[in-house]
Each structure stands twice: as C-alpha cells, then as structure tokens.
Protein backbone atom coordinates (compact mmCIF):
# COMPACT_ATOMS: atom_id res chain seq x y z
CA UNK A 1 -33.88 34.12 30.35
CA UNK A 2 -34.91 35.15 34.20
CA UNK A 3 -32.34 33.98 36.49
CA UNK A 4 -34.23 35.49 39.24
CA UNK A 5 -37.64 34.03 38.59
CA UNK A 6 -40.89 36.65 39.42
CA UNK A 7 -42.75 34.46 42.07
CA UNK A 8 -46.39 34.78 43.57
CA UNK A 9 -47.11 33.61 46.93
CA UNK A 10 -50.11 31.38 47.02
CA UNK A 11 -51.23 29.97 50.28
CA UNK A 12 -53.15 26.86 51.50
CA UNK A 13 -54.32 26.02 55.63
CA UNK A 14 -52.05 23.42 56.35
CA UNK A 15 -53.28 20.97 58.60
CA UNK A 16 -52.38 22.17 61.76
CA UNK A 17 -54.10 23.91 64.54
CA UNK A 18 -53.02 25.12 67.69
CA UNK A 19 -54.84 24.81 70.42
CA UNK A 20 -55.53 25.67 74.23
CA UNK A 21 -56.00 22.41 75.32
CA UNK A 22 -57.63 21.95 78.99
CA UNK A 23 -56.48 19.78 81.87
CA UNK A 24 -59.15 18.10 83.58
CA UNK A 25 -57.62 18.42 87.16
CA UNK A 26 -61.33 18.79 88.78
CA UNK A 27 -61.26 22.14 88.96
CA UNK A 28 -63.95 24.95 86.94
CA UNK A 29 -62.05 24.18 83.49
CA UNK A 30 -63.83 21.42 83.29
CA UNK A 31 -66.93 22.98 83.01
CA UNK A 32 -67.79 23.23 78.83
CA UNK A 33 -69.34 26.71 79.72
CA UNK A 34 -65.84 27.87 80.79
CA UNK A 35 -64.05 26.63 77.67
CA UNK A 36 -66.78 27.57 75.94
CA UNK A 37 -66.22 31.76 77.62
CA UNK A 38 -62.19 31.57 77.00
CA UNK A 39 -63.47 30.41 73.01
CA UNK A 40 -65.44 34.00 73.19
CA UNK A 41 -63.16 36.15 75.09
CA UNK A 42 -60.16 35.45 72.25
CA UNK A 43 -60.43 37.90 69.69
CA UNK A 44 -58.76 35.74 67.06
CA UNK A 45 -59.56 38.02 64.19
CA UNK A 46 -57.69 41.03 65.54
CA UNK A 47 -54.60 39.22 66.56
CA UNK A 48 -54.55 37.37 63.38
CA UNK A 49 -54.36 40.69 61.28
CA UNK A 50 -52.24 42.56 63.74
CA UNK A 51 -49.81 40.49 65.46
CA UNK A 52 -49.65 37.18 62.77
CA UNK A 53 -49.99 40.16 60.05
CA UNK A 54 -52.37 38.04 57.96
CA UNK A 55 -50.58 34.66 57.69
CA UNK A 56 -53.25 32.68 59.39
CA UNK A 57 -56.67 31.32 59.49
CA UNK A 58 -59.09 31.71 61.95
CA UNK A 59 -60.13 28.08 63.17
CA UNK A 60 -63.44 26.86 63.80
CA UNK A 61 -62.47 23.28 64.16
CA UNK A 62 -59.27 20.58 64.24
CA UNK A 63 -60.01 19.96 60.90
CA UNK A 64 -59.10 22.22 58.02
CA UNK A 65 -61.35 23.88 56.04
CA UNK A 66 -62.27 22.05 52.80
CA UNK A 67 -65.09 18.91 52.09
CA UNK A 68 -64.66 17.33 55.35
CA UNK A 69 -65.38 20.33 57.18
CA UNK A 70 -68.82 20.15 58.56
CA UNK A 71 -71.46 22.99 58.03
CA UNK A 72 -72.95 25.65 60.68
CA UNK A 73 -69.75 25.59 63.12
CA UNK A 74 -69.85 27.87 65.98
CA UNK A 75 -66.77 30.15 64.99
CA UNK A 76 -66.94 31.79 68.74
CA UNK A 77 -66.45 34.75 66.92
CA UNK A 78 -65.05 37.59 69.69
CA UNK A 79 -68.07 38.11 72.23
CA UNK A 80 -66.65 39.39 75.52
CA UNK A 81 -69.85 40.01 76.99
CA UNK A 82 -71.17 36.63 76.33
CA UNK A 83 -68.03 35.17 77.88
CA UNK A 84 -68.85 37.24 81.01
CA UNK A 85 -72.20 35.39 80.96
CA UNK A 86 -70.95 32.08 80.66
CA UNK A 87 -68.18 32.49 83.06
CA UNK A 88 -70.87 33.71 85.87
CA UNK A 89 -73.37 30.57 84.83
CA UNK A 90 -70.49 28.13 85.45
CA UNK A 91 -69.39 29.65 88.86
CA UNK A 92 -65.95 30.83 87.98
CA UNK A 93 -64.21 32.19 90.68
CA UNK A 94 -62.30 35.50 90.01
CA UNK A 95 -59.03 34.52 92.39
CA UNK A 96 -58.10 31.59 90.12
CA UNK A 97 -55.00 31.67 88.16
CA UNK A 98 -55.00 29.68 85.35
CA UNK A 99 -51.24 27.79 84.38
CA UNK A 100 -50.48 28.43 80.81
CA UNK A 101 -47.90 26.53 78.84
CA UNK A 102 -46.25 26.41 75.34
CA UNK A 103 -42.74 25.27 74.46
CA UNK A 104 -42.15 27.36 71.31
CA UNK A 105 -39.16 29.95 72.00
CA UNK A 106 -39.86 32.64 69.47
CA UNK A 107 -40.79 36.28 70.39
CA UNK A 108 -44.16 35.88 68.42
CA UNK A 109 -45.25 33.34 70.88
CA UNK A 110 -44.53 35.21 73.77
CA UNK A 111 -46.72 38.08 72.31
CA UNK A 112 -49.45 36.02 71.15
CA UNK A 113 -49.48 34.67 75.21
CA UNK A 114 -49.46 38.41 76.40
CA UNK A 115 -52.59 39.14 73.81
CA UNK A 116 -54.44 35.97 75.46
CA UNK A 117 -53.44 37.24 78.81
CA UNK A 118 -55.26 40.86 78.38
CA UNK A 119 -58.30 39.07 76.58
CA UNK A 120 -59.06 36.59 79.22
CA UNK A 121 -58.26 39.58 82.18
CA UNK A 122 -60.97 41.64 80.28
CA UNK A 123 -63.32 39.25 81.22
CA UNK A 124 -62.24 38.23 84.32
CA UNK A 125 -59.77 35.15 84.04
CA UNK A 126 -56.89 35.74 85.27
CA UNK A 127 -53.70 33.70 83.58
CA UNK A 128 -49.48 33.22 84.07
CA UNK A 129 -47.99 31.76 81.21
CA UNK A 130 -44.59 29.72 80.72
CA UNK A 131 -42.08 27.94 78.45
CA UNK A 132 -41.91 24.31 79.14
CA UNK A 133 -37.97 22.98 79.45
CA UNK A 134 -36.67 19.85 79.23
CA UNK A 135 -38.75 16.50 78.39
CA UNK A 136 -41.88 18.67 76.83
CA UNK A 137 -43.71 15.70 75.77
CA UNK A 138 -43.48 13.97 79.04
CA UNK A 139 -44.74 17.17 80.87
CA UNK A 140 -47.39 17.40 78.00
CA UNK A 141 -48.37 13.59 77.49
CA UNK A 142 -48.05 12.60 81.17
CA UNK A 143 -51.47 10.16 81.07
CA UNK A 144 -53.71 9.78 84.34
CA UNK A 145 -53.09 6.90 86.84
CA UNK A 146 -55.62 4.31 86.05
CA UNK A 147 -58.86 4.95 87.65
CA UNK A 148 -57.77 8.45 88.43
CA UNK A 149 -60.25 11.05 87.96
CA UNK A 150 -57.77 13.51 87.88
CA UNK A 151 -54.67 14.21 84.85
CA UNK A 152 -51.25 13.88 85.58
CA UNK A 153 -50.33 17.18 84.23
CA UNK A 154 -49.13 20.14 85.86
CA UNK A 155 -50.33 23.02 83.85
CA UNK A 156 -54.25 24.56 83.20
CA UNK A 157 -53.89 24.66 79.55
CA UNK A 158 -51.15 24.24 76.87
CA UNK A 159 -50.83 26.18 73.44
CA UNK A 160 -49.41 24.26 71.03
CA UNK A 161 -49.86 22.57 67.49
CA UNK A 162 -51.43 19.62 66.35
CA UNK A 163 -50.65 18.50 62.91
CA UNK A 164 -51.66 15.76 61.10
CA UNK A 165 -50.91 13.67 57.67
CA UNK A 166 -54.11 11.77 57.90
CA UNK A 167 -57.51 13.19 59.25
CA UNK A 168 -57.77 10.34 61.76
CA UNK A 169 -54.54 11.91 63.53
CA UNK A 170 -56.30 14.92 64.53
CA UNK A 171 -58.73 13.20 66.97
CA UNK A 172 -57.28 9.43 67.76
CA UNK A 173 -55.86 10.93 70.53
CA UNK A 174 -58.55 11.44 72.21
CA UNK A 175 -59.02 7.66 71.99
CA UNK A 176 -59.38 6.22 75.61
CA UNK A 177 -56.21 5.62 77.16
CA UNK A 178 -54.45 8.11 74.80
CA UNK A 179 -55.19 11.73 76.12
CA UNK A 180 -53.51 13.52 79.23
CA UNK A 181 -56.24 16.06 79.32
CA UNK A 182 -59.54 15.16 77.66
CA UNK A 183 -61.08 12.68 79.64
CA UNK A 184 -63.03 9.64 77.65
CA UNK A 185 -66.58 9.98 77.55
CA UNK A 186 -69.19 7.55 75.84
CA UNK A 187 -70.45 9.33 73.06
CA UNK A 188 -66.63 10.46 72.31
CA UNK A 189 -65.64 6.62 72.22
CA UNK A 190 -68.70 6.31 69.72
CA UNK A 191 -67.93 8.97 67.83
CA UNK A 192 -64.19 7.67 67.14
CA UNK A 193 -65.22 4.32 66.32
CA UNK A 194 -67.34 5.28 63.64
CA UNK A 195 -64.28 7.21 62.65
CA UNK A 196 -61.97 4.04 62.56
CA UNK A 197 -64.76 1.61 61.81
CA UNK A 198 -64.96 2.59 57.91
CA UNK A 199 -63.58 3.07 54.89
CA UNK A 200 -66.30 4.05 53.22
CA UNK A 201 -65.47 7.41 51.93
CA UNK A 202 -68.92 8.54 52.60
CA UNK A 203 -69.51 7.00 55.51
CA UNK A 204 -66.25 8.34 57.22
CA UNK A 205 -66.95 11.86 56.04
CA UNK A 206 -69.98 11.85 57.88
CA UNK A 207 -68.69 10.31 60.91
CA UNK A 208 -65.87 13.26 60.82
CA UNK A 209 -68.72 15.69 60.86
CA UNK A 210 -70.59 14.68 63.61
CA UNK A 211 -67.04 14.45 65.44
CA UNK A 212 -66.38 18.18 64.67
CA UNK A 213 -70.28 18.73 66.12
CA UNK A 214 -69.67 17.38 69.23
CA UNK A 215 -65.91 18.91 69.66
CA UNK A 216 -67.10 22.27 68.31
CA UNK A 217 -69.46 22.40 72.02
CA UNK A 218 -67.22 20.66 74.27
CA UNK A 219 -64.14 22.35 73.15
CA UNK A 220 -61.90 19.69 74.58
CA UNK A 221 -59.41 21.90 72.46
CA UNK A 222 -60.10 25.26 71.82
CA UNK A 223 -58.98 25.78 67.59
CA UNK A 224 -57.00 29.14 67.51
CA UNK A 225 -56.11 29.15 63.82
CA UNK A 226 -54.75 27.34 61.13
CA UNK A 227 -51.26 27.97 60.32
CA UNK A 228 -50.91 28.58 56.36
CA UNK A 229 -48.42 26.99 54.06
CA UNK A 230 -46.80 29.06 51.25
CA UNK A 231 -46.46 27.86 47.97
CA UNK A 232 -43.87 30.19 45.63
CA UNK A 233 -44.06 29.62 42.16
CA UNK A 234 -42.92 31.54 38.53
CA UNK A 235 -45.67 33.81 36.69
CA UNK A 236 -43.79 32.21 33.62
CA UNK A 237 -45.61 28.55 35.28
CA UNK A 238 -49.06 27.48 34.77
CA UNK A 239 -50.75 24.37 36.55
CA UNK A 240 -53.32 24.03 33.98
CA UNK A 241 -55.94 23.75 36.75
CA UNK A 242 -54.53 21.73 38.81
CA UNK A 243 -55.26 21.85 42.66
CA UNK A 244 -53.23 22.90 45.43
CA UNK A 245 -52.43 21.22 48.64
CA UNK A 246 -50.24 20.57 51.35
CA UNK A 247 -46.99 20.39 49.57
CA UNK A 248 -45.45 18.40 52.33
CA UNK A 249 -46.61 15.35 51.29
CA UNK A 250 -47.52 13.93 47.94
CA UNK A 251 -50.67 14.44 46.02
CA UNK A 252 -51.78 14.21 42.09
CA UNK A 253 -50.03 17.55 40.95
CA UNK A 254 -50.91 16.37 37.39
CA UNK A 255 -47.50 17.46 36.19
CA UNK A 256 -47.85 16.45 32.73
CA UNK A 257 -50.41 19.30 31.89
CA UNK A 258 -48.09 21.98 33.19
CA UNK A 259 -46.90 24.64 30.62
CA UNK A 260 -43.73 26.92 31.22
CA UNK A 261 -43.24 29.94 29.18
CA UNK A 262 -40.56 29.33 26.59
CA UNK A 263 -37.04 30.97 27.03
CA UNK A 264 -35.37 33.12 24.12
CA UNK A 265 -34.43 29.78 22.82
CA UNK A 266 -37.53 28.24 22.90
CA UNK A 267 -36.67 25.64 26.02
CA UNK A 268 -39.21 25.41 28.35
CA UNK A 269 -37.57 24.82 31.75
CA UNK A 270 -38.98 25.11 35.05
CA UNK A 271 -36.45 25.49 37.82
CA UNK A 272 -37.12 24.62 41.67
CA UNK A 273 -35.19 25.29 44.45
CA UNK A 274 -33.99 22.85 47.32
CA UNK A 275 -34.46 22.44 51.60
CA UNK A 276 -32.06 21.73 54.26
CA UNK A 277 -30.02 18.29 53.61
CA UNK A 278 -31.60 17.23 56.68
CA UNK A 279 -34.99 16.74 54.78
CA UNK A 280 -33.93 14.52 51.97
CA UNK A 281 -31.93 12.18 53.93
CA UNK A 282 -34.31 9.86 54.94
CA UNK A 283 -37.27 10.15 52.10
CA UNK A 284 -39.19 7.30 53.72
CA UNK A 285 -39.70 9.20 56.70
CA UNK A 286 -41.59 12.37 54.61
CA UNK A 287 -41.55 11.23 50.68
CA UNK A 288 -43.22 14.31 49.47
CA UNK A 289 -40.05 16.52 50.48
CA UNK A 290 -37.58 15.47 47.80
CA UNK A 291 -38.54 17.05 44.66
CA UNK A 292 -37.33 13.78 42.90
CA UNK A 293 -39.82 12.13 44.87
CA UNK A 294 -42.86 14.25 43.34
CA UNK A 295 -41.52 14.06 39.76
CA UNK A 296 -39.83 11.08 38.93
CA UNK A 297 -41.40 8.42 40.64
CA UNK A 298 -44.89 7.26 39.99
CA UNK A 299 -47.32 5.85 42.81
CA UNK A 300 -49.54 3.00 43.22
CA UNK A 301 -52.47 4.95 43.85
CA UNK A 302 -53.05 8.37 43.89
CA UNK A 303 -54.25 11.11 46.34
CA UNK A 304 -55.90 14.88 45.53
CA UNK A 305 -55.01 18.03 47.83
CA UNK A 306 -56.77 16.97 50.76
CA UNK A 307 -54.79 13.50 51.02
CA UNK A 308 -57.73 11.72 50.25
CA UNK A 309 -57.25 8.57 47.61
CA UNK A 310 -58.49 9.29 44.42
CA UNK A 311 -57.89 6.74 41.37
CA UNK A 312 -54.85 4.44 40.67
CA UNK A 313 -51.76 5.83 38.91
CA UNK A 314 -49.83 2.63 38.30
CA UNK A 315 -52.79 0.67 39.30
CA UNK A 316 -55.38 0.27 36.72
CA UNK A 317 -58.01 0.62 39.36
CA UNK A 318 -58.43 -0.88 42.84
CA UNK A 319 -60.85 -1.66 45.59
CA UNK A 320 -61.17 -1.49 49.27
CA UNK A 321 -63.07 -4.13 51.45
CA UNK A 322 -65.67 -3.03 53.32
CA UNK A 323 -63.96 -3.73 56.45
CA UNK A 324 -61.36 -1.50 55.24
CA UNK A 325 -58.42 -4.97 55.56
CA UNK A 326 -58.12 -5.61 52.44
CA UNK A 327 -57.10 -3.39 49.28
CA UNK A 328 -57.44 -4.91 45.80
CA UNK A 329 -55.65 -3.45 42.72
CA UNK A 330 -54.86 -4.38 39.14
CA UNK A 331 -51.35 -2.95 37.70
CA UNK A 332 -51.58 -1.31 34.00
CA UNK A 333 -50.64 -2.94 31.27
CA UNK A 334 -47.16 -2.77 29.59
CA UNK A 335 -45.64 -0.88 32.77
CA UNK A 336 -41.92 -0.75 32.92
CA UNK A 337 -38.55 0.33 34.53
CA UNK A 338 -36.53 3.10 33.25
CA UNK A 339 -34.41 0.27 31.74
CA UNK A 340 -37.40 -1.31 29.84
CA UNK A 341 -37.70 -4.22 32.42
CA UNK A 342 -41.18 -4.82 33.33
CA UNK A 343 -42.34 -3.29 36.81
CA UNK A 344 -44.79 -6.17 38.43
CA UNK A 345 -46.91 -7.05 41.46
CA UNK A 346 -43.42 -8.99 42.81
CA UNK A 347 -41.90 -5.43 42.85
CA UNK A 348 -45.29 -3.36 45.00
CA UNK A 349 -44.34 -6.63 47.65
CA UNK A 350 -40.87 -5.37 47.45
CA UNK A 351 -41.29 -1.91 48.05
CA UNK A 352 -43.07 -2.83 51.11
CA UNK A 353 -40.88 -5.37 52.41
CA UNK A 354 -38.01 -3.00 51.68
CA UNK A 355 -39.51 -0.13 53.58
CA UNK A 356 -40.19 -2.30 56.70
CA UNK A 357 -36.55 -2.63 56.88
CA UNK A 358 -35.80 1.44 57.28
CA UNK A 359 -34.88 2.55 60.68
CA UNK A 360 -36.91 5.71 60.66
CA UNK A 361 -40.11 5.71 58.41
CA UNK A 362 -43.23 7.32 58.30
CA UNK A 363 -45.72 6.46 61.00
CA UNK A 364 -48.53 6.31 58.76
CA UNK A 365 -46.63 4.06 56.41
CA UNK A 366 -45.36 1.71 59.09
CA UNK A 367 -48.49 1.42 60.85
CA UNK A 368 -50.15 0.15 57.58
CA UNK A 369 -47.26 -2.08 56.41
CA UNK A 370 -47.57 -3.57 59.74
CA UNK A 371 -51.15 -4.00 59.55
CA UNK A 372 -50.60 -6.51 56.70
CA UNK A 373 -50.41 -10.55 57.39
CA UNK A 374 -46.80 -11.72 57.07
CA UNK A 375 -45.34 -8.22 58.09
CA UNK A 376 -43.24 -9.23 61.25
CA UNK A 377 -41.21 -11.55 59.30
CA UNK A 378 -39.50 -8.40 56.99
CA UNK A 379 -39.04 -6.29 60.38
C-alpha cells in the first residue's frame, strides 16, 4: 500500500480573471483607445512565464476558455509600438500619473505592480500603485451620484479578481446602477438583456459571445490572466474519461465509473485529503467543498465541468420554460433514502424550504430560491 501517494498535477482555468478596471472620471481613460493601448503595453506572456512561473493562463476575456468563449477575440498581444500610436491618436498627456490600487497583501502582487509600472512607463504612461486599506469593498464599489457623469471612486485603475459561479456574474456587474467604474450604455444594456432574458442555452451562448466581442473592443475591464485550479490525483486513479471542472463546486464527476488500482490485498481504496475546518462548517455556503457533499449525496440535476446543466440525476428528465421562470422535473422511480424510505417530491420541497432558513447560503442558491412563488413564507 502506498501511504504517500504519487500525485500528478492537473490544471484547469478557474472562472476568475484579474482585471485592470478603468474609472471613468472624465479623464483620458474614458477613451477606449487609451485602454487598448494599456492592454497592448503589457507583456502578459512574459509575466506569466517568469513572474508567475507558468502557473497562469493569459486571458483575452472574462469568460474562461471553453465552449462559451467567442472565437476571434483580440488577444492584445504585446505590441508597444501599437500602444504608443493609440496613445498619440487619443491625445494622451504624458504628464498624467495614473493612480492604480490593489488589495492583495503578498509580495507577488507588489512585483506584478512593479512590472506593470515598467511596461506602461515604456510607452509613456506614468503610474503609481498603492494597497487599499480599511473598507476595501467600499473603496472599490462606491457608485456615482445619481445623474453624475463622473465616478464615485478615487482611483484611476484597480487590479483585482473577478470570480463567478454562473457566467452571468461576470457581466451583470455592468448593469445600470451597479458598476462603480463602467458607465452604462444603450448597447451594453441591450446585450445584458439578451443574456438574462432567455433560458435557452443556444440563445444564451450566442448572447454571451456577442457581449464578449463588444467588451473585447471597449475594454471596460482589461483581462490579464486566468488563475489556475490545481487538481492533484494519484497515478493509481483513472477517471475513465471523465471530465475536469472547477472542483470548488459540484459538477458530474461520474465517480461511479472511476477505477483505482487494488492494493496487495486486492482492495480498491481511494484516499482523499481534507481542507481547513472553516470550509466545511457551512456546506450551504459552498456545497462543492465538502467531500461528503460531492460523493455521498445525489443531485436533482447534474452539470458539466463548466457548471452548465446537462441532464437529470435524481430527476428522470427536466424541462425549462421559455421564459426561464418554471422548471418541471420527473423524479426517477423507486428512489429511496439510506434507510429505504421513499424519496419524494415533498422531500425536494422540504430541502428548499429548509435552505431558505440557513443564515449563510450561497448567493446563487438564495437568489434562485427567493424567486420561487411563496418563498417569503419560509425565510
């Protein structure tokens, strides 16, 4: 028996894109050519290979690589001459000094800021950088006053992460009245309405791709890189062709088809690790972090590695209405609990009713459950 398992590292891009976000405070950063110039000025390929030691993926969109990524996006590959030309065309003032903020406390972030400062300086853009202290969320998210044409934040650009459970979370932050730095436009609003206005996956995918192409040109956020999620697994394990996804969340592992090499006694035993206790105290906050939640419990519906619903699990089948407001499902026959008692639709309802009483619950859960007629009676 190998007590110290030999592990291989398998990486997948997390749904997280650190961004440099412009603050529209009636200054030259409001010109998309300036934001494009900043993107061209930064050599992210070199930064990833050197500073990040290859443990990141250069990004061209907030959406992670995969089926929902639009084709033909401008990668803004390092091109300092193009950056200088765009700045000249936009009438950039070389005397202006950008105030760039960040909130991470590690040395790598400081080194990254130093690299960005050098790259921008090379094309004629001066910048300083500082770490936000105190109410970081407030300093990043202060909304402009109603009717104002300037932002309510005090910085020019902010470096940070954007993560999402559902892809909508990447772009719904641009909805009118929600963004501290990206003023609403009619075109952006129309694109967001298309994303949020349909439950049809094909139509939704096309809407996301159209929004990606729009943002790829205007660069409300400048995608820099995707952080990676590292999955370590034993060379004794075979997933039998099963896919990989973001293991912070639940997707269909198809674990029933996994195989493990038997030990000297012929036993097939798979060992797993644990995580810090705080990750397990409130499973409703993130149900994918607890191993028992992944393995012991079945789900009504299953999702693939991109967290897109695929088919039923406890449900034989399901159907989504055209307006996205009604889900109809049929449970499989002869479902039982561990003690043999029948599992019924009443049990499904009880699970939702109980979840509504949990103090700390995942935002996607609570938004979905609160959208069900009558949910307020169980809060």
